[in-house]
Amino acid sequence: YILGDNEWILFRFSGTEPLLRIYSEAPSNERVRKNLNFGRSIIK
C-alpha cells in the first residue's frame, strides 16, 4: 500500500513457511519503524 510522501508498506505471505512478512520503505528509519509497527497492529 502506498502511504504517501514516498512511503509504502507491503504484506506478503511466505510460500514455504507459515509467515506473513511486512516490508516498508520511507525517507527515514524512524518512519520505517512506525510503518512496520502500524502493519503489525493491523494484523493482530
PDB file of N, CA and C in Angstrom:
ATOM      1  N   TYR A   1       0.835  -1.169   0.000  1.00  0.00           N
ATOM      2  CA  TYR A   1       0.000   0.000   0.000  1.00  0.00           C
ATOM      3  C   TYR A   1       0.885   1.238   0.000  1.00  0.00           C
ATOM      4  N   ILE A   2       0.502   2.229  -0.740  1.00  0.00           N
ATOM      5  CA  ILE A   2       1.229   3.494  -0.747  1.00  0.00           C
ATOM      6  C   ILE A   2       0.659   4.355   0.365  1.00  0.00           C
ATOM      7  N   LEU A   3       1.537   4.787   1.257  1.00  0.00           N
ATOM      8  CA  LEU A   3       1.109   5.573   2.409  1.00  0.00           C
ATOM      9  C   LEU A   3       1.252   7.067   2.157  1.00  0.00           C
ATOM     10  N   GLY A   4       1.947   7.463   1.119  1.00  0.00           N
ATOM     11  CA  GLY A   4       2.147   8.871   0.805  1.00  0.00           C
ATOM     12  C   GLY A   4       3.533   9.335   1.190  1.00  0.00           C
ATOM     13  N   ASP A   5       3.947  10.465   0.658  1.00  0.00           N
ATOM     14  CA  ASP A   5       5.253  11.058   0.960  1.00  0.00           C
ATOM     15  C   ASP A   5       6.392  10.058   0.806  1.00  0.00           C
ATOM     16  N   ASN A   6       6.416   9.341  -0.313  1.00  0.00           N
ATOM     17  CA  ASN A   6       7.474   8.364  -0.605  1.00  0.00           C
ATOM     18  C   ASN A   6       7.550   7.247   0.424  1.00  0.00           C
ATOM     19  N   GLU A   7       6.405   6.843   0.964  1.00  0.00           N
ATOM     20  CA  GLU A   7       6.355   5.755   1.938  1.00  0.00           C
ATOM     21  C   GLU A   7       5.407   4.677   1.452  1.00  0.00           C
ATOM     22  N   TRP A   8       5.772   3.423   1.706  1.00  0.00           N
ATOM     23  CA  TRP A   8       4.886   2.315   1.364  1.00  0.00           C
ATOM     24  C   TRP A   8       5.075   1.179   2.355  1.00  0.00           C
ATOM     25  N   ILE A   9       4.097   0.274   2.373  1.00  0.00           N
ATOM     26  CA  ILE A   9       4.145  -0.917   3.208  1.00  0.00           C
ATOM     27  C   ILE A   9       3.603  -2.074   2.369  1.00  0.00           C
ATOM     28  N   LEU A  10       4.206  -3.241   2.533  1.00  0.00           N
ATOM     29  CA  LEU A  10       3.823  -4.416   1.756  1.00  0.00           C
ATOM     30  C   LEU A  10       3.652  -5.599   2.700  1.00  0.00           C
ATOM     31  N   PHE A  11       2.544  -6.309   2.556  1.00  0.00           N
ATOM     32  CA  PHE A  11       2.286  -7.534   3.307  1.00  0.00           C
ATOM     33  C   PHE A  11       2.443  -8.695   2.332  1.00  0.00           C
ATOM     34  N   ARG A  12       3.249  -9.703   2.702  1.00  0.00           N
ATOM     35  CA  ARG A  12       3.499 -10.822   1.795  1.00  0.00           C
ATOM     36  C   ARG A  12       3.531 -12.120   2.583  1.00  0.00           C
ATOM     37  N   PHE A  13       2.686 -13.055   2.175  1.00  0.00           N
ATOM     38  CA  PHE A  13       2.715 -14.378   2.786  1.00  0.00           C
ATOM     39  C   PHE A  13       3.886 -15.160   2.213  1.00  0.00           C
ATOM     40  N   SER A  14       4.589 -15.889   3.068  1.00  0.00           N
ATOM     41  CA  SER A  14       5.667 -16.760   2.629  1.00  0.00           C
ATOM     42  C   SER A  14       5.067 -17.954   1.907  1.00  0.00           C
ATOM     43  N   GLY A  15       5.705 -18.365   0.839  1.00  0.00           N
ATOM     44  CA  GLY A  15       5.230 -19.527   0.102  1.00  0.00           C
ATOM     45  C   GLY A  15       5.725 -20.841   0.675  1.00  0.00           C
ATOM     46  N   THR A  16       6.691 -20.781   1.593  1.00  0.00           N
ATOM     47  CA  THR A  16       7.289 -22.007   2.130  1.00  0.00           C
ATOM     48  C   THR A  16       7.146 -22.154   3.637  1.00  0.00           C
ATOM     49  N   GLU A  17       6.739 -21.086   4.307  1.00  0.00           N
ATOM     50  CA  GLU A  17       6.613 -21.112   5.768  1.00  0.00           C
ATOM     51  C   GLU A  17       5.284 -20.467   6.159  1.00  0.00           C
ATOM     52  N   PRO A  18       4.778 -20.782   7.346  1.00  0.00           N
ATOM     53  CA  PRO A  18       3.540 -20.138   7.808  1.00  0.00           C
ATOM     54  C   PRO A  18       3.822 -18.737   8.376  1.00  0.00           C
ATOM     55  N   LEU A  19       4.301 -17.844   7.526  1.00  0.00           N
ATOM     56  CA  LEU A  19       4.691 -16.498   7.945  1.00  0.00           C
ATOM     57  C   LEU A  19       4.041 -15.444   7.068  1.00  0.00           C
ATOM     58  N   LEU A  20       3.784 -14.301   7.669  1.00  0.00           N
ATOM     59  CA  LEU A  20       3.393 -13.107   6.934  1.00  0.00           C
ATOM     60  C   LEU A  20       4.524 -12.106   7.123  1.00  0.00           C
ATOM     61  N   ARG A  21       5.141 -11.714   6.047  1.00  0.00           N
ATOM     62  CA  ARG A  21       6.245 -10.755   6.118  1.00  0.00           C
ATOM     63  C   ARG A  21       5.702  -9.356   5.843  1.00  0.00           C
ATOM     64  N   ILE A  22       6.283  -8.377   6.542  1.00  0.00           N
ATOM     65  CA  ILE A  22       5.882  -6.984   6.358  1.00  0.00           C
ATOM     66  C   ILE A  22       7.124  -6.205   5.940  1.00  0.00           C
ATOM     67  N   TYR A  23       7.027  -5.523   4.816  1.00  0.00           N
ATOM     68  CA  TYR A  23       8.117  -4.707   4.304  1.00  0.00           C
ATOM     69  C   TYR A  23       7.661  -3.254   4.266  1.00  0.00           C
ATOM     70  N   SER A  24       8.626  -2.337   4.423  1.00  0.00           N
ATOM     71  CA  SER A  24       8.293  -0.921   4.345  1.00  0.00           C
ATOM     72  C   SER A  24       9.495  -0.141   3.843  1.00  0.00           C
ATOM     73  N   GLU A  25       9.202   0.975   3.205  1.00  0.00           N
ATOM     74  CA  GLU A  25      10.245   1.904   2.794  1.00  0.00           C
ATOM     75  C   GLU A  25       9.748   3.311   3.084  1.00  0.00           C
ATOM     76  N   ALA A  26      10.651   4.151   3.585  1.00  0.00           N
ATOM     77  CA  ALA A  26      10.312   5.533   3.930  1.00  0.00           C
ATOM     78  C   ALA A  26      11.600   6.356   3.936  1.00  0.00           C
ATOM     79  N   PRO A  27      11.478   7.669   3.966  1.00  0.00           N
ATOM     80  CA  PRO A  27      12.665   8.527   3.946  1.00  0.00           C
ATOM     81  C   PRO A  27      13.586   8.378   5.163  1.00  0.00           C
ATOM     82  N   SER A  28      13.062   7.914   6.295  1.00  0.00           N
ATOM     83  CA  SER A  28      13.909   7.779   7.487  1.00  0.00           C
ATOM     84  C   SER A  28      13.646   6.437   8.171  1.00  0.00           C
ATOM     85  N   ASN A  29      14.630   5.983   8.932  1.00  0.00           N
ATOM     86  CA  ASN A  29      14.476   4.731   9.683  1.00  0.00           C
ATOM     87  C   ASN A  29      13.350   4.829  10.705  1.00  0.00           C
ATOM     88  N   GLU A  30      13.184   5.995  11.282  1.00  0.00           N
ATOM     89  CA  GLU A  30      12.110   6.188  12.262  1.00  0.00           C
ATOM     90  C   GLU A  30      10.741   5.964  11.620  1.00  0.00           C
ATOM     91  N   ARG A  31      10.553   6.494  10.415  1.00  0.00           N
ATOM     92  CA  ARG A  31       9.272   6.305   9.709  1.00  0.00           C
ATOM     93  C   ARG A  31       9.076   4.847   9.307  1.00  0.00           C
ATOM     94  N   VAL A  32      10.148   4.166   8.923  1.00  0.00           N
ATOM     95  CA  VAL A  32      10.038   2.737   8.592  1.00  0.00           C
ATOM     96  C   VAL A  32       9.567   1.969   9.817  1.00  0.00           C
ATOM     97  N   ARG A  33      10.169   2.232  10.972  1.00  0.00           N
ATOM     98  CA  ARG A  33       9.761   1.554  12.215  1.00  0.00           C
ATOM     99  C   ARG A  33       8.294   1.826  12.533  1.00  0.00           C
ATOM    100  N   LYS A  34       7.866   3.076  12.389  1.00  0.00           N
ATOM    101  CA  LYS A  34       6.463   3.410  12.653  1.00  0.00           C
ATOM    102  C   LYS A  34       5.537   2.679  11.688  1.00  0.00           C
ATOM    103  N   ASN A  35       5.917   2.611  10.424  1.00  0.00           N
ATOM    104  CA  ASN A  35       5.096   1.914   9.436  1.00  0.00           C
ATOM    105  C   ASN A  35       5.019   0.422   9.738  1.00  0.00           C
ATOM    106  N   LEU A  36       6.139  -0.189  10.127  1.00  0.00           N
ATOM    107  CA  LEU A  36       6.136  -1.612  10.459  1.00  0.00           C
ATOM    108  C   LEU A  36       5.283  -1.880  11.696  1.00  0.00           C
ATOM    109  N   ASN A  37       5.375  -1.024  12.692  1.00  0.00           N
ATOM    110  CA  ASN A  37       4.525  -1.177  13.882  1.00  0.00           C
ATOM    111  C   ASN A  37       3.050  -1.026  13.517  1.00  0.00           C
ATOM    112  N   PHE A  38       2.749  -0.097  12.635  1.00  0.00           N
ATOM    113  CA  PHE A  38       1.383   0.071  12.147  1.00  0.00           C
ATOM    114  C   PHE A  38       0.914  -1.204  11.450  1.00  0.00           C
ATOM    115  N   GLY A  39       1.762  -1.769  10.610  1.00  0.00           N
ATOM    116  CA  GLY A  39       1.419  -3.007   9.915  1.00  0.00           C
ATOM    117  C   GLY A  39       1.161  -4.148  10.874  1.00  0.00           C
ATOM    118  N   ARG A  40       1.995  -4.272  11.895  1.00  0.00           N
ATOM    119  CA  ARG A  40       1.791  -5.322  12.907  1.00  0.00           C
ATOM    120  C   ARG A  40       0.469  -5.127  13.637  1.00  0.00           C
ATOM    121  N   SER A  41       0.114  -3.875  13.924  1.00  0.00           N
ATOM    122  CA  SER A  41      -1.133  -3.619  14.657  1.00  0.00           C
ATOM    123  C   SER A  41      -2.360  -3.975  13.818  1.00  0.00           C
ATOM    124  N   ILE A  42      -2.261  -3.852  12.515  1.00  0.00           N
ATOM    125  CA  ILE A  42      -3.385  -4.180  11.639  1.00  0.00           C
ATOM    126  C   ILE A  42      -3.688  -5.672  11.666  1.00  0.00           C
ATOM    127  N   ILE A  43      -2.653  -6.500  11.700  1.00  0.00           N
ATOM    128  CA  ILE A  43      -2.870  -7.945  11.571  1.00  0.00           C
ATOM    129  C   ILE A  43      -3.188  -8.635  12.885  1.00  0.00           C
ATOM    130  N   LYS A  44      -3.101  -7.921  13.992  1.00  0.00           N
ATOM    131  CA  LYS A  44      -3.399  -8.547  15.290  1.00  0.00           C
ATOM    132  C   LYS A  44      -4.883  -8.688  15.494  1.00  0.00           C
TER     133      LYS A  44
END
